[in-house]
Amino acid sequence: MRAPGSYQELAELLRGRLPKLTGGQLRIAHLLLADPEGTAYRGIAEAARLMEVRESSVARFANSLGLPGYPDIMELCRAWVAEQAQLARRTEQAGEVESPGGLLSAVLEQEQANLARTFGRIDRPSWLRAVELLAGAPRVHVIGLRESRAVAGMAAQRLHEIRPAVHQLGRGSLPDELTELREGEVLLAISVRRYAADTVRAAGYASETGLPVVALTDNPAAPLADTADVALYAETSGVSHGRSLTALTALAQALVTEVAIRLGDPKPDHALLDALRFYH
């Protein structure tokens, strides 16, 4: 097996192995996926303590990935952190650099990479299952809070245009809204780091109630992935300390578009809106 040569390759390898991992190995993989920044400078003793495993288990896990040892995992994470720092420095220098270049070029480069990684790692069976659930359920609930609210709102609006019975959660009292969930319906949950606790709780409640959960999040170690029947992942790296939602938005748009195609590509009915002259 060829050893991963970058953190991105390491993450892809770990994602592919997650379904087969259990116990301590699963905790190790989750931490590596969820916190590459911390892993870059966290020694094996501290890593073992956080993951509640022996240091020898961490070393063996690195060996199973084709790497000589845990320090090699740290090195891959450090290179990734350095890459993100370089993009951040380009942002800080943007005011001194005339275009082309500067901030716009840094953002374009990062967003292109995010989109390529997001769509390049979509698991086709998971994608088709998500489409099937959103197209076939008698009712679809959508939730996304805090910074994911805008993406959830867009997804709910566009789903509402192509199919009946779409309900966006989080506009009122969430506990009251959750009482409307019924077995056989579907929840589309959207959240990326830092994960909104109410979104995670809603997904857990929906799963316990018998609703399939389709999650749009950022990595297999995300809390939504634990309760989701289907999880799709978007790359959210940004050129500064903030997360980018471009790939997450594109992923949601693509999912809704495929649902529309599954339903026969119905056209939105704007007759009432036109009659009311809602659009200029």
Protein backbone atom coordinates (compact mmCIF):
# COMPACT_ATOMS: atom_id res chain seq x y z
CA MET A 1 0.00 0.00 0.00
CA ARG A 2 1.29 3.45 -0.94
CA ALA A 3 1.62 5.70 2.08
CA PRO A 4 -0.33 9.01 1.96
CA GLY A 5 1.84 11.90 0.81
CA SER A 6 -0.37 14.72 2.08
CA TYR A 7 -3.00 15.35 4.71
CA GLN A 8 -5.65 15.32 1.99
CA GLU A 9 -4.57 11.81 0.96
CA LEU A 10 -4.48 10.75 4.61
CA ALA A 11 -8.01 12.04 5.14
CA GLU A 12 -9.29 10.21 2.07
CA LEU A 13 -7.68 6.99 3.26
CA LEU A 14 -9.23 7.36 6.71
CA ARG A 15 -12.69 8.12 5.31
CA GLY A 16 -12.56 4.94 3.25
CA ARG A 17 -11.66 2.87 6.30
CA LEU A 18 -14.11 4.38 8.80
CA PRO A 19 -16.89 1.80 8.25
CA LYS A 20 -14.48 -1.02 9.16
CA LEU A 21 -12.90 0.61 12.23
CA THR A 22 -14.07 0.04 15.78
CA GLY A 23 -13.12 1.07 19.30
CA GLY A 24 -9.77 2.76 19.70
CA GLN A 25 -8.98 2.76 15.98
CA LEU A 26 -12.21 4.65 15.28
CA ARG A 27 -11.39 7.24 17.95
CA ILE A 28 -7.94 7.73 16.46
CA ALA A 29 -9.36 8.23 12.96
CA HIS A 30 -12.03 10.64 14.22
CA LEU A 31 -9.47 12.86 15.94
CA LEU A 32 -7.18 12.93 12.90
CA LEU A 33 -10.09 13.94 10.66
CA ALA A 34 -11.63 16.45 13.04
CA ASP A 35 -8.50 18.22 14.31
CA PRO A 36 -5.56 18.28 11.90
CA GLU A 37 -4.44 21.59 13.40
CA GLY A 38 -4.07 20.07 16.86
CA THR A 39 -2.55 16.85 15.54
CA ALA A 40 0.20 18.83 13.86
CA TYR A 41 1.73 19.73 17.22
CA ARG A 42 0.29 17.11 19.57
CA GLY A 43 2.79 14.44 20.63
CA ILE A 44 1.96 10.77 20.75
CA ALA A 45 1.54 10.73 24.54
CA GLU A 46 -1.04 13.53 24.50
CA ALA A 47 -2.78 12.02 21.47
CA ALA A 48 -3.05 8.63 23.18
CA ARG A 49 -4.51 10.27 26.29
CA LEU A 50 -7.15 12.16 24.30
CA MET A 51 -8.12 9.07 22.33
CA GLU A 52 -8.05 6.81 25.40
CA VAL A 53 -5.68 4.30 23.83
CA ARG A 54 -2.11 3.16 24.42
CA GLU A 55 0.77 4.89 22.63
CA SER A 56 1.60 1.58 21.00
CA SER A 57 -1.90 1.50 19.50
CA VAL A 58 -1.37 4.94 17.96
CA ALA A 59 1.97 3.79 16.52
CA ARG A 60 0.42 0.63 15.07
CA PHE A 61 -2.39 2.67 13.55
CA ALA A 62 0.17 4.85 11.77
CA ASN A 63 1.91 1.69 10.51
CA SER A 64 -1.41 0.38 9.17
CA LEU A 65 -1.60 3.49 6.99
CA GLY A 66 1.77 2.71 5.45
CA LEU A 67 3.62 5.30 7.56
CA PRO A 68 6.74 4.57 9.68
CA GLY A 69 5.17 6.11 12.79
CA TYR A 70 2.97 8.74 14.39
CA PRO A 71 5.50 11.57 13.77
CA ASP A 72 4.84 11.10 10.05
CA ILE A 73 1.14 11.80 10.64
CA MET A 74 2.14 14.94 12.52
CA GLU A 75 4.33 15.99 9.60
CA LEU A 76 1.48 15.60 7.09
CA CYS A 77 -0.73 17.73 9.34
CA ARG A 78 2.00 20.35 9.74
CA ALA A 79 2.36 20.64 5.97
CA TRP A 80 -1.40 21.13 5.69
CA VAL A 81 -1.38 23.78 8.44
CA ALA A 82 1.50 25.55 6.68
CA GLU A 83 -0.48 25.54 3.43
CA GLN A 84 -3.45 27.16 5.18
CA ALA A 85 -1.14 29.70 6.84
CA GLN A 86 0.34 30.61 3.47
CA LEU A 87 -3.12 31.31 2.11
CA ALA A 88 -3.86 33.43 5.19
CA ARG A 89 -0.65 35.45 4.66
CA ARG A 90 -1.65 36.09 1.08
CA THR A 91 -4.92 37.49 2.41
CA GLU A 92 -3.11 39.82 4.82
CA GLN A 93 -0.88 41.06 2.01
CA ALA A 94 -3.77 41.54 -0.40
CA GLY A 95 -4.05 45.26 0.34
CA GLU A 96 -0.49 45.78 -0.87
CA VAL A 97 -0.82 43.79 -4.08
CA GLU A 98 -2.64 45.03 -7.15
CA SER A 99 -4.78 42.59 -9.04
CA PRO A 100 -4.40 40.11 -10.43
CA GLY A 101 -3.25 38.43 -7.25
CA GLY A 102 -3.87 39.33 -3.66
CA LEU A 103 -7.10 38.42 -1.94
CA LEU A 104 -9.13 37.62 -5.05
CA SER A 105 -6.56 35.17 -6.38
CA ALA A 106 -6.16 33.54 -2.96
CA VAL A 107 -9.92 33.11 -2.60
CA LEU A 108 -10.29 31.77 -6.14
CA GLU A 109 -7.51 29.26 -5.60
CA GLN A 110 -8.95 28.07 -2.29
CA GLU A 111 -12.54 27.82 -3.53
CA GLN A 112 -11.50 25.89 -6.64
CA ALA A 113 -9.64 23.44 -4.42
CA ASN A 114 -12.61 23.15 -2.06
CA LEU A 115 -15.02 22.42 -4.89
CA ALA A 116 -12.70 19.88 -6.51
CA ARG A 117 -12.18 18.03 -3.22
CA THR A 118 -15.87 18.10 -2.35
CA PHE A 119 -17.18 16.73 -5.61
CA GLY A 120 -14.20 14.44 -6.11
CA ARG A 121 -14.91 12.49 -2.91
CA ILE A 122 -18.67 12.00 -3.29
CA ASP A 123 -19.58 8.36 -2.81
CA ARG A 124 -22.00 7.57 -5.64
CA PRO A 125 -24.19 5.07 -3.73
CA SER A 126 -24.52 7.53 -0.84
CA TRP A 127 -25.39 10.32 -3.26
CA LEU A 128 -28.12 8.28 -4.95
CA ARG A 129 -29.52 7.20 -1.59
CA ALA A 130 -29.73 10.83 -0.47
CA VAL A 131 -31.56 11.75 -3.68
CA GLU A 132 -33.94 8.82 -3.26
CA LEU A 133 -34.81 9.83 0.30
CA LEU A 134 -35.39 13.50 -0.49
CA ALA A 135 -37.44 12.74 -3.60
CA GLY A 136 -39.58 9.95 -2.18
CA ALA A 137 -40.44 11.00 1.37
CA PRO A 138 -43.96 12.28 2.03
CA ARG A 139 -42.44 15.25 3.86
CA VAL A 140 -38.93 16.71 4.12
CA HIS A 141 -37.71 18.69 7.12
CA VAL A 142 -34.62 20.88 6.74
CA ILE A 143 -32.45 22.22 9.54
CA GLY A 144 -29.30 24.30 9.56
CA LEU A 145 -28.50 26.87 12.23
CA ARG A 146 -25.99 29.62 12.86
CA GLU A 147 -23.62 29.94 9.88
CA SER A 148 -25.31 27.02 8.10
CA ARG A 149 -28.74 28.67 8.27
CA ALA A 150 -28.36 30.41 4.91
CA VAL A 151 -27.48 27.15 3.15
CA ALA A 152 -30.40 25.39 4.84
CA GLY A 153 -32.74 28.20 3.81
CA MET A 154 -31.63 27.96 0.20
CA ALA A 155 -32.03 24.17 0.19
CA ALA A 156 -35.50 24.36 1.77
CA GLN A 157 -36.67 27.03 -0.67
CA ARG A 158 -35.50 25.15 -3.73
CA LEU A 159 -36.89 21.84 -2.49
CA HIS A 160 -40.21 23.59 -1.90
CA GLU A 161 -40.23 24.74 -5.53
CA ILE A 162 -39.95 21.19 -6.89
CA ARG A 163 -41.88 19.06 -4.40
CA PRO A 164 -44.65 19.45 -1.80
CA ALA A 165 -44.39 19.27 1.98
CA VAL A 166 -41.03 20.88 2.79
CA HIS A 167 -40.62 22.28 6.29
CA GLN A 168 -37.67 24.36 7.50
CA LEU A 169 -36.94 23.89 11.19
CA GLY A 170 -35.41 26.54 13.43
CA ARG A 171 -37.73 29.41 12.61
CA GLY A 172 -39.66 29.06 15.86
CA SER A 173 -39.45 26.97 19.00
CA LEU A 174 -37.39 23.96 17.99
CA PRO A 175 -38.86 21.58 20.62
CA ASP A 176 -42.36 22.42 19.36
CA GLU A 177 -41.28 22.01 15.74
CA LEU A 178 -39.77 18.60 16.44
CA THR A 179 -43.14 17.32 17.63
CA GLU A 180 -44.28 17.56 14.00
CA LEU A 181 -41.80 14.90 12.85
CA ARG A 182 -43.42 11.64 11.79
CA GLU A 183 -41.95 8.25 10.98
CA GLY A 184 -41.32 7.86 7.25
CA GLU A 185 -40.48 11.52 6.71
CA VAL A 186 -36.88 12.70 6.13
CA LEU A 187 -34.62 15.24 7.82
CA LEU A 188 -31.97 17.11 5.85
CA ALA A 189 -29.48 18.40 8.44
CA ILE A 190 -26.69 20.86 7.58
CA SER A 191 -23.85 21.83 9.91
CA VAL A 192 -20.08 22.36 9.77
CA ARG A 193 -17.51 23.18 12.44
CA ARG A 194 -18.26 24.63 14.91
CA TYR A 195 -21.31 22.41 14.89
CA ALA A 196 -24.59 23.89 16.10
CA ALA A 197 -25.68 21.82 19.09
CA ASP A 198 -29.40 22.16 18.29
CA THR A 199 -28.85 20.81 14.78
CA VAL A 200 -27.03 17.79 16.19
CA ARG A 201 -29.75 17.22 18.80
CA ALA A 202 -32.50 17.53 16.17
CA ALA A 203 -30.77 14.95 13.98
CA GLY A 204 -30.44 12.59 16.92
CA TYR A 205 -34.10 13.01 17.83
CA ALA A 206 -35.18 12.48 14.22
CA SER A 207 -33.17 9.27 14.00
CA GLU A 208 -34.69 7.99 17.27
CA THR A 209 -38.15 8.86 15.95
CA GLY A 210 -37.58 6.74 12.87
CA LEU A 211 -36.77 9.42 10.29
CA PRO A 212 -33.87 8.83 7.92
CA VAL A 213 -31.34 11.66 8.24
CA VAL A 214 -29.42 13.08 5.28
CA ALA A 215 -26.47 15.12 6.57
CA LEU A 216 -24.40 17.73 4.76
CA THR A 217 -21.33 18.33 6.90
CA ASP A 218 -17.55 18.60 6.63
CA ASN A 219 -16.00 15.27 7.65
CA PRO A 220 -16.89 11.74 8.78
CA ALA A 221 -15.88 12.57 12.35
CA ALA A 222 -18.55 15.29 12.54
CA PRO A 223 -21.32 14.63 15.09
CA LEU A 224 -23.99 14.62 12.37
CA ALA A 225 -22.29 11.67 10.69
CA ASP A 226 -22.97 9.51 13.75
CA THR A 227 -26.75 9.69 13.38
CA ALA A 228 -27.07 10.15 9.61
CA ASP A 229 -28.32 7.42 7.31
CA VAL A 230 -26.45 9.21 4.53
CA ALA A 231 -23.69 11.80 4.97
CA LEU A 232 -22.14 13.96 2.25
CA TYR A 233 -19.05 16.04 2.97
CA ALA A 234 -18.02 19.53 1.87
CA GLU A 235 -14.55 21.06 2.14
CA THR A 236 -14.74 24.29 4.16
CA SER A 237 -11.16 25.57 4.30
CA GLY A 238 -10.92 29.36 3.97
CA VAL A 239 -8.17 31.84 3.22
CA SER A 240 -8.50 33.31 6.72
CA HIS A 241 -9.67 31.98 10.07
CA GLY A 242 -13.28 31.75 8.87
CA ARG A 243 -14.77 28.71 7.17
CA SER A 244 -15.86 28.86 3.54
CA LEU A 245 -19.42 27.79 2.72
CA THR A 246 -19.00 27.87 -1.05
CA ALA A 247 -18.56 24.13 -1.54
CA LEU A 248 -21.29 23.37 1.02
CA THR A 249 -23.68 25.61 -0.89
CA ALA A 250 -22.71 24.04 -4.21
CA LEU A 251 -23.19 20.56 -2.75
CA ALA A 252 -26.68 21.47 -1.50
CA GLN A 253 -27.59 23.00 -4.87
CA ALA A 254 -26.37 19.95 -6.75
CA LEU A 255 -28.35 17.66 -4.45
CA VAL A 256 -31.57 19.62 -4.97
CA THR A 257 -30.98 19.65 -8.74
CA GLU A 258 -30.60 15.86 -8.81
CA VAL A 259 -33.78 15.52 -6.73
CA ALA A 260 -35.57 17.67 -9.31
CA ILE A 261 -34.30 15.43 -12.11
CA ARG A 262 -35.47 12.35 -10.19
CA LEU A 263 -38.93 13.92 -9.92
CA GLY A 264 -39.06 14.66 -13.65
CA ASP A 265 -37.48 18.13 -13.42
CA PRO A 266 -40.68 19.95 -12.37
CA LYS A 267 -40.65 23.66 -13.01
CA PRO A 268 -41.37 26.01 -10.09
CA ASP A 269 -44.92 27.42 -10.16
CA HIS A 270 -44.55 31.19 -9.94
CA ALA A 271 -48.06 32.02 -11.14
CA LEU A 272 -49.22 33.40 -7.78
CA LEU A 273 -45.99 35.33 -7.25
CA ASP A 274 -46.29 36.82 -10.73
CA ALA A 275 -49.94 37.73 -10.10
CA LEU A 276 -48.92 39.54 -6.93
CA ARG A 277 -46.03 41.18 -8.79
CA PHE A 278 -43.67 39.78 -6.18
CA TYR A 279 -40.73 40.02 -8.61
CA HIS A 280 -39.67 43.23 -10.27
